[in-house]
């Protein structure tokens, strides 16, 4: 029988956490300044290997900073048209995203309009 992975299984498959900074970041910042922002502003360890997302003021640019075994790596994307639609749960300095939410964010899916329907769960 064919077994397709669920979103929950995809989210559990990612061993690192994903943190989105809720305040706009200056996209001119580089490795060291973003790492300092992770440490001082967000309160996380930039060497943890987790993904730290920063979005520009116009929401058309995104940077992802992470520690890659022997140094920082920076992934940068600029949209030619449109904006990134960020989640609406802006209660603090950062929001933790699931792997599936990160994939949807990068694919242009509006995370604010997604509604998860109640499903049956077998009692443990």
PDB file of N, CA and C in Angstrom:
ATOM      1  N   UNK A   1       0.840  -1.180   0.000  1.00  0.00           N
ATOM      2  CA  UNK A   1       0.000   0.000   0.000  1.00  0.00           C
ATOM      3  C   UNK A   1       0.891   1.250   0.000  1.00  0.00           C
ATOM      4  N   UNK A   2       0.482   2.246  -0.740  1.00  0.00           N
ATOM      5  CA  UNK A   2       1.226   3.496  -0.843  1.00  0.00           C
ATOM      6  C   UNK A   2       1.008   4.340   0.408  1.00  0.00           C
ATOM      7  N   UNK A   3       2.084   4.824   1.005  1.00  0.00           N
ATOM      8  CA  UNK A   3       2.000   5.668   2.210  1.00  0.00           C
ATOM      9  C   UNK A   3       2.602   7.026   1.891  1.00  0.00           C
ATOM     10  N   UNK A   4       1.772   8.047   1.869  1.00  0.00           N
ATOM     11  CA  UNK A   4       2.233   9.409   1.635  1.00  0.00           C
ATOM     12  C   UNK A   4       2.515  10.084   2.970  1.00  0.00           C
ATOM     13  N   UNK A   5       3.559  10.918   3.053  1.00  0.00           N
ATOM     14  CA  UNK A   5       3.855  11.584   4.328  1.00  0.00           C
ATOM     15  C   UNK A   5       2.829  12.672   4.627  1.00  0.00           C
ATOM     16  N   UNK A   6       2.512  12.814   5.895  1.00  0.00           N
ATOM     17  CA  UNK A   6       1.617  13.889   6.322  1.00  0.00           C
ATOM     18  C   UNK A   6       2.447  15.127   6.616  1.00  0.00           C
ATOM     19  N   UNK A   7       1.790  16.266   6.793  1.00  0.00           N
ATOM     20  CA  UNK A   7       2.512  17.490   7.152  1.00  0.00           C
ATOM     21  C   UNK A   7       3.218  17.328   8.489  1.00  0.00           C
ATOM     22  N   UNK A   8       2.580  16.650   9.426  1.00  0.00           N
ATOM     23  CA  UNK A   8       3.196  16.414  10.724  1.00  0.00           C
ATOM     24  C   UNK A   8       4.478  15.612  10.604  1.00  0.00           C
ATOM     25  N   UNK A   9       4.472  14.602   9.740  1.00  0.00           N
ATOM     26  CA  UNK A   9       5.673  13.797   9.528  1.00  0.00           C
ATOM     27  C   UNK A   9       6.772  14.621   8.855  1.00  0.00           C
ATOM     28  N   UNK A  10       6.388  15.495   7.946  1.00  0.00           N
ATOM     29  CA  UNK A  10       7.383  16.368   7.310  1.00  0.00           C
ATOM     30  C   UNK A  10       7.983  17.334   8.329  1.00  0.00           C
ATOM     31  N   UNK A  11       7.140  17.861   9.206  1.00  0.00           N
ATOM     32  CA  UNK A  11       7.617  18.804  10.222  1.00  0.00           C
ATOM     33  C   UNK A  11       8.535  18.115  11.222  1.00  0.00           C
ATOM     34  N   UNK A  12       8.247  16.880  11.571  1.00  0.00           N
ATOM     35  CA  UNK A  12       9.089  16.149  12.511  1.00  0.00           C
ATOM     36  C   UNK A  12      10.407  15.722  11.878  1.00  0.00           C
ATOM     37  N   UNK A  13      10.439  15.640  10.553  1.00  0.00           N
ATOM     38  CA  UNK A  13      11.649  15.216   9.864  1.00  0.00           C
ATOM     39  C   UNK A  13      12.759  16.247   9.897  1.00  0.00           C
ATOM     40  N   UNK A  14      12.447  17.502  10.140  1.00  0.00           N
ATOM     41  CA  UNK A  14      13.448  18.556  10.208  1.00  0.00           C
ATOM     42  C   UNK A  14      13.993  18.626  11.625  1.00  0.00           C
ATOM     43  N   UNK A  15      15.287  18.412  11.770  1.00  0.00           N
ATOM     44  CA  UNK A  15      15.883  18.364  13.106  1.00  0.00           C
ATOM     45  C   UNK A  15      16.226  19.748  13.656  1.00  0.00           C
ATOM     46  N   UNK A  16      16.196  20.762  12.817  1.00  0.00           N
ATOM     47  CA  UNK A  16      16.493  22.112  13.285  1.00  0.00           C
ATOM     48  C   UNK A  16      15.192  22.889  13.444  1.00  0.00           C
ATOM     49  N   UNK A  17      15.253  23.944  14.209  1.00  0.00           N
ATOM     50  CA  UNK A  17      14.088  24.815  14.393  1.00  0.00           C
ATOM     51  C   UNK A  17      14.216  26.005  13.451  1.00  0.00           C
ATOM     52  N   UNK A  18      13.071  26.617  13.166  1.00  0.00           N
ATOM     53  CA  UNK A  18      13.016  27.757  12.254  1.00  0.00           C
ATOM     54  C   UNK A  18      12.417  28.928  13.012  1.00  0.00           C
ATOM     55  N   UNK A  19      13.162  30.038  13.106  1.00  0.00           N
ATOM     56  CA  UNK A  19      12.698  31.229  13.817  1.00  0.00           C
ATOM     57  C   UNK A  19      12.614  32.397  12.843  1.00  0.00           C
ATOM     58  N   UNK A  20      11.485  33.066  12.834  1.00  0.00           N
ATOM     59  CA  UNK A  20      11.261  34.238  11.995  1.00  0.00           C
ATOM     60  C   UNK A  20      11.285  35.473  12.875  1.00  0.00           C
ATOM     61  N   UNK A  21      12.151  36.415  12.579  1.00  0.00           N
ATOM     62  CA  UNK A  21      12.197  37.688  13.297  1.00  0.00           C
ATOM     63  C   UNK A  21      10.987  38.506  12.860  1.00  0.00           C
ATOM     64  N   UNK A  22      10.188  38.964  13.816  1.00  0.00           N
ATOM     65  CA  UNK A  22       8.936  39.648  13.472  1.00  0.00           C
ATOM     66  C   UNK A  22       9.126  41.114  13.077  1.00  0.00           C
ATOM     67  N   UNK A  23      10.241  41.717  13.465  1.00  0.00           N
ATOM     68  CA  UNK A  23      10.465  43.105  13.065  1.00  0.00           C
ATOM     69  C   UNK A  23      11.287  43.138  11.775  1.00  0.00           C
ATOM     70  N   UNK A  24      11.038  44.121  10.911  1.00  0.00           N
ATOM     71  CA  UNK A  24      11.775  44.196   9.650  1.00  0.00           C
ATOM     72  C   UNK A  24      13.277  44.368   9.885  1.00  0.00           C
ATOM     73  N   UNK A  25      14.057  43.732   9.033  1.00  0.00           N
ATOM     74  CA  UNK A  25      15.512  43.812   9.147  1.00  0.00           C
ATOM     75  C   UNK A  25      16.078  44.590   7.968  1.00  0.00           C
ATOM     76  N   UNK A  26      17.198  45.235   8.205  1.00  0.00           N
ATOM     77  CA  UNK A  26      17.913  45.944   7.147  1.00  0.00           C
ATOM     78  C   UNK A  26      18.613  44.890   6.286  1.00  0.00           C
ATOM     79  N   UNK A  27      18.239  44.784   5.036  1.00  0.00           N
ATOM     80  CA  UNK A  27      18.773  43.748   4.168  1.00  0.00           C
ATOM     81  C   UNK A  27      20.222  43.996   3.756  1.00  0.00           C
ATOM     82  N   UNK A  28      20.798  45.115   4.178  1.00  0.00           N
ATOM     83  CA  UNK A  28      22.224  45.360   3.917  1.00  0.00           C
ATOM     84  C   UNK A  28      23.105  44.651   4.933  1.00  0.00           C
ATOM     85  N   UNK A  29      22.502  44.121   6.005  1.00  0.00           N
ATOM     86  CA  UNK A  29      23.268  43.458   7.056  1.00  0.00           C
ATOM     87  C   UNK A  29      23.841  42.136   6.551  1.00  0.00           C
ATOM     88  N   UNK A  30      25.032  41.831   7.048  1.00  0.00           N
ATOM     89  CA  UNK A  30      25.711  40.611   6.639  1.00  0.00           C
ATOM     90  C   UNK A  30      25.751  39.582   7.748  1.00  0.00           C
ATOM     91  N   UNK A  31      26.658  38.625   7.591  1.00  0.00           N
ATOM     92  CA  UNK A  31      26.774  37.495   8.517  1.00  0.00           C
ATOM     93  C   UNK A  31      26.895  37.930   9.980  1.00  0.00           C
ATOM     94  N   UNK A  32      27.902  38.741  10.268  1.00  0.00           N
ATOM     95  CA  UNK A  32      28.208  39.078  11.656  1.00  0.00           C
ATOM     96  C   UNK A  32      27.118  39.913  12.313  1.00  0.00           C
ATOM     97  N   UNK A  33      26.560  40.860  11.583  1.00  0.00           N
ATOM     98  CA  UNK A  33      25.518  41.720  12.147  1.00  0.00           C
ATOM     99  C   UNK A  33      24.233  40.930  12.387  1.00  0.00           C
ATOM    100  N   UNK A  34      23.887  40.039  11.464  1.00  0.00           N
ATOM    101  CA  UNK A  34      22.702  39.212  11.670  1.00  0.00           C
ATOM    102  C   UNK A  34      22.909  38.224  12.818  1.00  0.00           C
ATOM    103  N   UNK A  35      24.113  37.676  12.937  1.00  0.00           N
ATOM    104  CA  UNK A  35      24.410  36.771  14.056  1.00  0.00           C
ATOM    105  C   UNK A  35      24.309  37.516  15.391  1.00  0.00           C
ATOM    106  N   UNK A  36      24.793  38.759  15.423  1.00  0.00           N
ATOM    107  CA  UNK A  36      24.675  39.567  16.635  1.00  0.00           C
ATOM    108  C   UNK A  36      23.210  39.871  16.929  1.00  0.00           C
ATOM    109  N   UNK A  37      22.407  40.085  15.904  1.00  0.00           N
ATOM    110  CA  UNK A  37      20.982  40.339  16.088  1.00  0.00           C
ATOM    111  C   UNK A  37      20.282  39.097  16.656  1.00  0.00           C
ATOM    112  N   UNK A  38      20.683  37.916  16.197  1.00  0.00           N
ATOM    113  CA  UNK A  38      20.122  36.673  16.726  1.00  0.00           C
ATOM    114  C   UNK A  38      20.451  36.555  18.214  1.00  0.00           C
ATOM    115  N   UNK A  39      21.689  36.836  18.565  1.00  0.00           N
ATOM    116  CA  UNK A  39      22.143  36.694  19.945  1.00  0.00           C
ATOM    117  C   UNK A  39      21.559  37.780  20.849  1.00  0.00           C
ATOM    118  N   UNK A  40      21.667  39.041  20.449  1.00  0.00           N
ATOM    119  CA  UNK A  40      21.306  40.154  21.329  1.00  0.00           C
ATOM    120  C   UNK A  40      19.820  40.501  21.298  1.00  0.00           C
ATOM    121  N   UNK A  41      19.207  40.516  20.139  1.00  0.00           N
ATOM    122  CA  UNK A  41      17.811  40.940  20.010  1.00  0.00           C
ATOM    123  C   UNK A  41      16.844  39.769  20.219  1.00  0.00           C
ATOM    124  N   UNK A  42      17.104  38.639  19.535  1.00  0.00           N
ATOM    125  CA  UNK A  42      16.191  37.507  19.634  1.00  0.00           C
ATOM    126  C   UNK A  42      16.471  36.627  20.850  1.00  0.00           C
ATOM    127  N   UNK A  43      17.714  36.637  21.334  1.00  0.00           N
ATOM    128  CA  UNK A  43      18.058  35.865  22.513  1.00  0.00           C
ATOM    129  C   UNK A  43      18.362  34.400  22.250  1.00  0.00           C
ATOM    130  N   UNK A  44      18.761  34.057  21.028  1.00  0.00           N
ATOM    131  CA  UNK A  44      19.108  32.682  20.682  1.00  0.00           C
ATOM    132  C   UNK A  44      20.599  32.580  20.391  1.00  0.00           C
ATOM    133  N   UNK A  45      21.090  31.354  20.370  1.00  0.00           N
ATOM    134  CA  UNK A  45      22.485  31.101  20.050  1.00  0.00           C
ATOM    135  C   UNK A  45      22.621  30.961  18.532  1.00  0.00           C
ATOM    136  N   UNK A  46      23.324  31.857  17.859  1.00  0.00           N
ATOM    137  CA  UNK A  46      23.447  31.763  16.403  1.00  0.00           C
ATOM    138  C   UNK A  46      24.247  30.548  15.945  1.00  0.00           C
ATOM    139  N   UNK A  47      24.995  29.906  16.836  1.00  0.00           N
ATOM    140  CA  UNK A  47      25.788  28.731  16.483  1.00  0.00           C
ATOM    141  C   UNK A  47      25.017  27.425  16.687  1.00  0.00           C
ATOM    142  N   UNK A  48      23.740  27.522  16.990  1.00  0.00           N
ATOM    143  CA  UNK A  48      22.926  26.344  17.306  1.00  0.00           C
ATOM    144  C   UNK A  48      22.615  25.478  16.091  1.00  0.00           C
ATOM    145  N   UNK A  49      22.739  26.037  14.890  1.00  0.00           N
ATOM    146  CA  UNK A  49      22.379  25.293  13.688  1.00  0.00           C
ATOM    147  C   UNK A  49      20.940  25.512  13.263  1.00  0.00           C
ATOM    148  N   UNK A  50      20.170  26.248  14.053  1.00  0.00           N
ATOM    149  CA  UNK A  50      18.791  26.552  13.685  1.00  0.00           C
ATOM    150  C   UNK A  50      18.762  27.592  12.571  1.00  0.00           C
ATOM    151  N   UNK A  51      17.628  27.703  11.888  1.00  0.00           N
ATOM    152  CA  UNK A  51      17.455  28.677  10.819  1.00  0.00           C
ATOM    153  C   UNK A  51      16.836  29.940  11.383  1.00  0.00           C
ATOM    154  N   UNK A  52      17.425  31.080  11.043  1.00  0.00           N
ATOM    155  CA  UNK A  52      16.915  32.374  11.501  1.00  0.00           C
ATOM    156  C   UNK A  52      16.542  33.198  10.271  1.00  0.00           C
ATOM    157  N   UNK A  53      15.258  33.546  10.164  1.00  0.00           N
ATOM    158  CA  UNK A  53      14.732  34.250   9.002  1.00  0.00           C
ATOM    159  C   UNK A  53      14.575  35.727   9.306  1.00  0.00           C
ATOM    160  N   UNK A  54      14.988  36.549   8.356  1.00  0.00           N
ATOM    161  CA  UNK A  54      14.850  37.995   8.446  1.00  0.00           C
ATOM    162  C   UNK A  54      14.205  38.488   7.158  1.00  0.00           C
ATOM    163  N   UNK A  55      13.185  39.323   7.308  1.00  0.00           N
ATOM    164  CA  UNK A  55      12.454  39.848   6.159  1.00  0.00           C
ATOM    165  C   UNK A  55      12.649  41.349   6.123  1.00  0.00           C
ATOM    166  N   UNK A  56      12.803  41.895   4.912  1.00  0.00           N
ATOM    167  CA  UNK A  56      12.986  43.331   4.733  1.00  0.00           C
ATOM    168  C   UNK A  56      11.718  44.115   4.988  1.00  0.00           C
ATOM    169  N   UNK A  57      11.865  45.411   5.090  1.00  0.00           N
ATOM    170  CA  UNK A  57      10.741  46.308   5.388  1.00  0.00           C
ATOM    171  C   UNK A  57       9.638  46.193   4.345  1.00  0.00           C
ATOM    172  N   UNK A  58      10.007  46.059   3.073  1.00  0.00           N
ATOM    173  CA  UNK A  58       9.009  45.969   1.999  1.00  0.00           C
ATOM    174  C   UNK A  58       8.473  44.553   1.806  1.00  0.00           C
ATOM    175  N   UNK A  59       8.998  43.589   2.591  1.00  0.00           N
ATOM    176  CA  UNK A  59       8.604  42.176   2.565  1.00  0.00           C
ATOM    177  C   UNK A  59       8.814  41.519   1.206  1.00  0.00           C
ATOM    178  N   UNK A  60       9.743  42.039   0.406  1.00  0.00           N
ATOM    179  CA  UNK A  60      10.050  41.400  -0.873  1.00  0.00           C
ATOM    180  C   UNK A  60      11.420  40.718  -0.856  1.00  0.00           C
ATOM    181  N   UNK A  61      12.088  40.741   0.294  1.00  0.00           N
ATOM    182  CA  UNK A  61      13.402  40.115   0.444  1.00  0.00           C
ATOM    183  C   UNK A  61      13.431  39.335   1.748  1.00  0.00           C
ATOM    184  N   UNK A  62      14.131  38.215   1.698  1.00  0.00           N
ATOM    185  CA  UNK A  62      14.263  37.388   2.883  1.00  0.00           C
ATOM    186  C   UNK A  62      15.685  36.844   2.951  1.00  0.00           C
ATOM    187  N   UNK A  63      16.229  36.805   4.162  1.00  0.00           N
ATOM    188  CA  UNK A  63      17.533  36.206   4.413  1.00  0.00           C
ATOM    189  C   UNK A  63      17.368  35.129   5.466  1.00  0.00           C
ATOM    190  N   UNK A  64      18.065  34.024   5.268  1.00  0.00           N
ATOM    191  CA  UNK A  64      18.072  32.935   6.238  1.00  0.00           C
ATOM    192  C   UNK A  64      19.515  32.711   6.655  1.00  0.00           C
ATOM    193  N   UNK A  65      19.773  32.882   7.936  1.00  0.00           N
ATOM    194  CA  UNK A  65      21.111  32.699   8.492  1.00  0.00           C
ATOM    195  C   UNK A  65      21.145  31.403   9.284  1.00  0.00           C
ATOM    196  N   UNK A  66      22.218  30.616   9.074  1.00  0.00           N
ATOM    197  CA  UNK A  66      22.395  29.409   9.871  1.00  0.00           C
ATOM    198  C   UNK A  66      23.871  29.054   9.950  1.00  0.00           C
ATOM    199  N   UNK A  67      24.208  28.299  10.990  1.00  0.00           N
ATOM    200  CA  UNK A  67      25.581  27.836  11.202  1.00  0.00           C
ATOM    201  C   UNK A  67      25.717  26.491  10.507  1.00  0.00           C
ATOM    202  N   UNK A  68      26.701  26.385   9.613  1.00  0.00           N
ATOM    203  CA  UNK A  68      26.887  25.178   8.811  1.00  0.00           C
ATOM    204  C   UNK A  68      28.230  24.528   9.137  1.00  0.00           C
ATOM    205  N   UNK A  69      28.303  23.801  10.215  1.00  0.00           N
ATOM    206  CA  UNK A  69      29.468  23.044  10.688  1.00  0.00           C
ATOM    207  C   UNK A  69      30.720  23.875  10.925  1.00  0.00           C
ATOM    208  N   UNK A  70      31.157  24.662   9.963  1.00  0.00           N
ATOM    209  CA  UNK A  70      32.423  25.376  10.113  1.00  0.00           C
ATOM    210  C   UNK A  70      32.324  26.864   9.795  1.00  0.00           C
ATOM    211  N   UNK A  71      31.121  27.385   9.677  1.00  0.00           N
ATOM    212  CA  UNK A  71      30.942  28.805   9.410  1.00  0.00           C
ATOM    213  C   UNK A  71      29.485  29.130   9.147  1.00  0.00           C
ATOM    214  N   UNK A  72      29.189  30.427   9.132  1.00  0.00           N
ATOM    215  CA  UNK A  72      27.826  30.864   8.856  1.00  0.00           C
ATOM    216  C   UNK A  72      27.526  30.742   7.371  1.00  0.00           C
ATOM    217  N   UNK A  73      26.285  30.414   7.074  1.00  0.00           N
ATOM    218  CA  UNK A  73      25.794  30.400   5.700  1.00  0.00           C
ATOM    219  C   UNK A  73      24.593  31.340   5.644  1.00  0.00           C
ATOM    220  N   UNK A  74      24.470  32.026   4.527  1.00  0.00           N
ATOM    221  CA  UNK A  74      23.399  33.002   4.361  1.00  0.00           C
ATOM    222  C   UNK A  74      22.685  32.719   3.050  1.00  0.00           C
ATOM    223  N   UNK A  75      21.383  32.517   3.141  1.00  0.00           N
ATOM    224  CA  UNK A  75      20.553  32.291   1.964  1.00  0.00           C
ATOM    225  C   UNK A  75      19.713  33.548   1.776  1.00  0.00           C
ATOM    226  N   UNK A  76      19.669  34.057   0.548  1.00  0.00           N
ATOM    227  CA  UNK A  76      19.024  35.347   0.291  1.00  0.00           C
ATOM    228  C   UNK A  76      18.125  35.220  -0.929  1.00  0.00           C
ATOM    229  N   UNK A  77      16.903  35.720  -0.813  1.00  0.00           N
ATOM    230  CA  UNK A  77      15.981  35.702  -1.949  1.00  0.00           C
ATOM    231  C   UNK A  77      15.298  37.048  -2.070  1.00  0.00           C
ATOM    232  N   UNK A  78      15.263  37.548  -3.308  1.00  0.00           N
ATOM    233  CA  UNK A  78      14.557  38.792  -3.610  1.00  0.00           C
ATOM    234  C   UNK A  78      13.482  38.478  -4.634  1.00  0.00           C
ATOM    235  N   UNK A  79      12.247  38.847  -4.315  1.00  0.00           N
ATOM    236  CA  UNK A  79      11.140  38.620  -5.235  1.00  0.00           C
ATOM    237  C   UNK A  79      11.113  39.717  -6.295  1.00  0.00           C
ATOM    238  N   UNK A  80      10.901  39.343  -7.522  1.00  0.00           N
ATOM    239  CA  UNK A  80      10.763  40.322  -8.600  1.00  0.00           C
ATOM    240  C   UNK A  80       9.375  40.949  -8.584  1.00  0.00           C
ATOM    241  N   UNK A  81       8.405  40.215  -8.059  1.00  0.00           N
ATOM    242  CA  UNK A  81       7.034  40.721  -7.992  1.00  0.00           C
ATOM    243  C   UNK A  81       6.360  40.107  -6.775  1.00  0.00           C
ATOM    244  N   UNK A  82       5.586  40.889  -6.057  1.00  0.00           N
ATOM    245  CA  UNK A  82       4.859  40.385  -4.907  1.00  0.00           C
ATOM    246  C   UNK A  82       5.649  40.526  -3.612  1.00  0.00           C
ATOM    247  N   UNK A  83       5.063  40.021  -2.543  1.00  0.00           N
ATOM    248  CA  UNK A  83       5.678  40.097  -1.224  1.00  0.00           C
ATOM    249  C   UNK A  83       5.521  38.763  -0.508  1.00  0.00           C
ATOM    250  N   UNK A  84       6.334  38.571   0.513  1.00  0.00           N
ATOM    251  CA  UNK A  84       6.179  37.416   1.387  1.00  0.00           C
ATOM    252  C   UNK A  84       5.053  37.713   2.354  1.00  0.00           C
ATOM    253  N   UNK A  85       4.147  36.760   2.517  1.00  0.00           N
ATOM    254  CA  UNK A  85       3.034  36.907   3.450  1.00  0.00           C
ATOM    255  C   UNK A  85       3.425  36.227   4.750  1.00  0.00           C
ATOM    256  N   UNK A  86       3.630  37.028   5.772  1.00  0.00           N
ATOM    257  CA  UNK A  86       4.113  36.524   7.052  1.00  0.00           C
ATOM    258  C   UNK A  86       2.961  36.067   7.933  1.00  0.00           C
ATOM    259  N   UNK A  87       3.235  35.150   8.868  1.00  0.00           N
ATOM    260  CA  UNK A  87       2.165  34.731   9.782  1.00  0.00           C
ATOM    261  C   UNK A  87       1.705  35.890  10.649  1.00  0.00           C
ATOM    262  N   UNK A  88       0.451  35.851  11.064  1.00  0.00           N
ATOM    263  CA  UNK A  88      -0.128  36.979  11.802  1.00  0.00           C
ATOM    264  C   UNK A  88       0.115  36.908  13.305  1.00  0.00           C
ATOM    265  N   UNK A  89       0.705  35.828  13.805  1.00  0.00           N
ATOM    266  CA  UNK A  89       0.903  35.691  15.251  1.00  0.00           C
ATOM    267  C   UNK A  89       2.152  36.438  15.707  1.00  0.00           C
ATOM    268  N   UNK A  90       2.123  37.758  15.608  1.00  0.00           N
ATOM    269  CA  UNK A  90       3.260  38.601  15.995  1.00  0.00           C
ATOM    270  C   UNK A  90       3.134  39.016  17.460  1.00  0.00           C
ATOM    271  N   UNK A  91       3.402  38.093  18.361  1.00  0.00           N
ATOM    272  CA  UNK A  91       3.266  38.400  19.774  1.00  0.00           C
ATOM    273  C   UNK A  91       4.590  38.755  20.429  1.00  0.00           C
ATOM    274  N   UNK A  92       5.692  38.400  19.820  1.00  0.00           N
ATOM    275  CA  UNK A  92       6.995  38.669  20.417  1.00  0.00           C
ATOM    276  C   UNK A  92       7.992  39.108  19.366  1.00  0.00           C
ATOM    277  N   UNK A  93       9.258  38.930  19.696  1.00  0.00           N
ATOM    278  CA  UNK A  93      10.324  39.322  18.779  1.00  0.00           C
ATOM    279  C   UNK A  93      10.530  38.303  17.674  1.00  0.00           C
ATOM    280  N   UNK A  94      10.117  37.057  17.916  1.00  0.00           N
ATOM    281  CA  UNK A  94      10.270  36.022  16.898  1.00  0.00           C
ATOM    282  C   UNK A  94       9.099  35.058  16.960  1.00  0.00           C
ATOM    283  N   UNK A  95       8.906  34.349  15.863  1.00  0.00           N
ATOM    284  CA  UNK A  95       7.867  33.337  15.748  1.00  0.00           C
ATOM    285  C   UNK A  95       8.547  32.057  15.274  1.00  0.00           C
ATOM    286  N   UNK A  96       8.225  30.950  15.921  1.00  0.00           N
ATOM    287  CA  UNK A  96       8.784  29.678  15.454  1.00  0.00           C
ATOM    288  C   UNK A  96       7.865  29.105  14.380  1.00  0.00           C
ATOM    289  N   UNK A  97       8.452  28.736  13.260  1.00  0.00           N
ATOM    290  CA  UNK A  97       7.707  28.159  12.151  1.00  0.00           C
ATOM    291  C   UNK A  97       7.993  26.672  12.049  1.00  0.00           C
ATOM    292  N   UNK A  98       7.044  25.938  11.510  1.00  0.00           N
ATOM    293  CA  UNK A  98       7.250  24.535  11.188  1.00  0.00           C
ATOM    294  C   UNK A  98       7.906  24.469   9.807  1.00  0.00           C
ATOM    295  N   UNK A  99       8.472  23.323   9.489  1.00  0.00           N
ATOM    296  CA  UNK A  99       9.116  23.145   8.185  1.00  0.00           C
ATOM    297  C   UNK A  99       8.111  23.345   7.051  1.00  0.00           C
ATOM    298  N   UNK A 100       6.892  22.849   7.241  1.00  0.00           N
ATOM    299  CA  UNK A 100       5.862  23.004   6.204  1.00  0.00           C
ATOM    300  C   UNK A 100       5.485  24.477   6.027  1.00  0.00           C
ATOM    301  N   UNK A 101       5.461  25.241   7.130  1.00  0.00           N
ATOM    302  CA  UNK A 101       5.140  26.669   7.031  1.00  0.00           C
ATOM    303  C   UNK A 101       6.250  27.433   6.311  1.00  0.00           C
ATOM    304  N   UNK A 102       7.497  27.060   6.549  1.00  0.00           N
ATOM    305  CA  UNK A 102       8.608  27.687   5.835  1.00  0.00           C
ATOM    306  C   UNK A 102       8.500  27.407   4.345  1.00  0.00           C
ATOM    307  N   UNK A 103       8.199  26.182   3.978  1.00  0.00           N
ATOM    308  CA  UNK A 103       8.046  25.824   2.567  1.00  0.00           C
ATOM    309  C   UNK A 103       6.905  26.617   1.923  1.00  0.00           C
ATOM    310  N   UNK A 104       5.799  26.769   2.643  1.00  0.00           N
ATOM    311  CA  UNK A 104       4.664  27.532   2.111  1.00  0.00           C
ATOM    312  C   UNK A 104       5.004  29.010   1.995  1.00  0.00           C
ATOM    313  N   UNK A 105       5.705  29.551   2.978  1.00  0.00           N
ATOM    314  CA  UNK A 105       6.117  30.954   2.943  1.00  0.00           C
ATOM    315  C   UNK A 105       6.977  31.230   1.711  1.00  0.00           C
ATOM    316  N   UNK A 106       7.954  30.364   1.459  1.00  0.00           N
ATOM    317  CA  UNK A 106       8.847  30.549   0.310  1.00  0.00           C
ATOM    318  C   UNK A 106       8.137  30.307  -1.022  1.00  0.00           C
ATOM    319  N   UNK A 107       7.064  29.498  -1.001  1.00  0.00           N
ATOM    320  CA  UNK A 107       6.311  29.212  -2.216  1.00  0.00           C
ATOM    321  C   UNK A 107       5.248  30.267  -2.510  1.00  0.00           C
ATOM    322  N   UNK A 108       5.082  31.243  -1.623  1.00  0.00           N
ATOM    323  CA  UNK A 108       4.128  32.319  -1.870  1.00  0.00           C
ATOM    324  C   UNK A 108       2.745  32.067  -1.326  1.00  0.00           C
ATOM    325  N   UNK A 109       2.589  31.106  -0.456  1.00  0.00           N
ATOM    326  CA  UNK A 109       1.281  30.813   0.128  1.00  0.00           C
ATOM    327  C   UNK A 109       1.069  31.706   1.348  1.00  0.00           C
ATOM    328  N   UNK A 110      -0.110  32.301   1.439  1.00  0.00           N
ATOM    329  CA  UNK A 110      -0.453  33.207   2.534  1.00  0.00           C
ATOM    330  C   UNK A 110      -0.740  32.395   3.794  1.00  0.00           C
ATOM    331  N   UNK A 111       0.149  32.483   4.778  1.00  0.00           N
ATOM    332  CA  UNK A 111      -0.010  31.705   6.008  1.00  0.00           C
ATOM    333  C   UNK A 111      -1.142  32.215   6.889  1.00  0.00           C
ATOM    334  N   UNK A 112      -1.582  33.461   6.677  1.00  0.00           N
ATOM    335  CA  UNK A 112      -2.646  34.005   7.518  1.00  0.00           C
ATOM    336  C   UNK A 112      -4.012  33.448   7.143  1.00  0.00           C
ATOM    337  N   UNK A 113      -4.169  32.950   5.925  1.00  0.00           N
ATOM    338  CA  UNK A 113      -5.481  32.463   5.495  1.00  0.00           C
ATOM    339  C   UNK A 113      -5.605  30.949   5.580  1.00  0.00           C
ATOM    340  N   UNK A 114      -4.574  30.281   6.054  1.00  0.00           N
ATOM    341  CA  UNK A 114      -4.619  28.826   6.161  1.00  0.00           C
ATOM    342  C   UNK A 114      -5.362  28.442   7.434  1.00  0.00           C
ATOM    343  N   UNK A 115      -6.314  27.542   7.278  1.00  0.00           N
ATOM    344  CA  UNK A 115      -7.072  27.051   8.425  1.00  0.00           C
ATOM    345  C   UNK A 115      -6.950  25.536   8.447  1.00  0.00           C
ATOM    346  N   UNK A 116      -6.554  25.005   9.591  1.00  0.00           N
ATOM    347  CA  UNK A 116      -6.481  23.549   9.745  1.00  0.00           C
ATOM    348  C   UNK A 116      -7.816  23.069  10.311  1.00  0.00           C
ATOM    349  N   UNK A 117      -8.396  22.109   9.645  1.00  0.00           N
ATOM    350  CA  UNK A 117      -9.679  21.533  10.074  1.00  0.00           C
ATOM    351  C   UNK A 117      -9.434  20.444  11.108  1.00  0.00           C
ATOM    352  N   UNK A 118     -10.415  20.256  11.964  1.00  0.00           N
ATOM    353  CA  UNK A 118     -10.322  19.235  12.997  1.00  0.00           C
ATOM    354  C   UNK A 118     -10.353  17.856  12.325  1.00  0.00           C
ATOM    355  N   UNK A 119      -9.481  16.977  12.782  1.00  0.00           N
ATOM    356  CA  UNK A 119      -9.402  15.615  12.267  1.00  0.00           C
ATOM    357  C   UNK A 119      -9.475  14.618  13.423  1.00  0.00           C
ATOM    358  N   UNK A 120      -9.905  13.441  13.092  1.00  0.00           N
ATOM    359  CA  UNK A 120      -9.966  12.369  14.078  1.00  0.00           C
ATOM    360  C   UNK A 120      -8.545  11.960  14.465  1.00  0.00           C
ATOM    361  N   UNK A 121      -8.342  11.762  15.756  1.00  0.00           N
ATOM    362  CA  UNK A 121      -7.077  11.247  16.247  1.00  0.00           C
ATOM    363  C   UNK A 121      -7.361  10.061  17.142  1.00  0.00           C
ATOM    364  N   UNK A 122      -6.724   8.951  16.837  1.00  0.00           N
ATOM    365  CA  UNK A 122      -6.929   7.728  17.623  1.00  0.00           C
ATOM    366  C   UNK A 122      -6.432   7.954  19.035  1.00  0.00           C
ATOM    367  N   UNK A 123      -7.236   7.611  20.047  1.00  0.00           N
ATOM    368  CA  UNK A 123      -6.788   7.776  21.425  1.00  0.00           C
ATOM    369  C   UNK A 123      -5.547   6.931  21.706  1.00  0.00           C
ATOM    370  N   UNK A 124      -4.645   7.440  22.501  1.00  0.00           N
ATOM    371  CA  UNK A 124      -3.378   6.730  22.783  1.00  0.00           C
ATOM    372  C   UNK A 124      -3.554   5.575  23.716  1.00  0.00           C
TER     373      UNK A 124
END
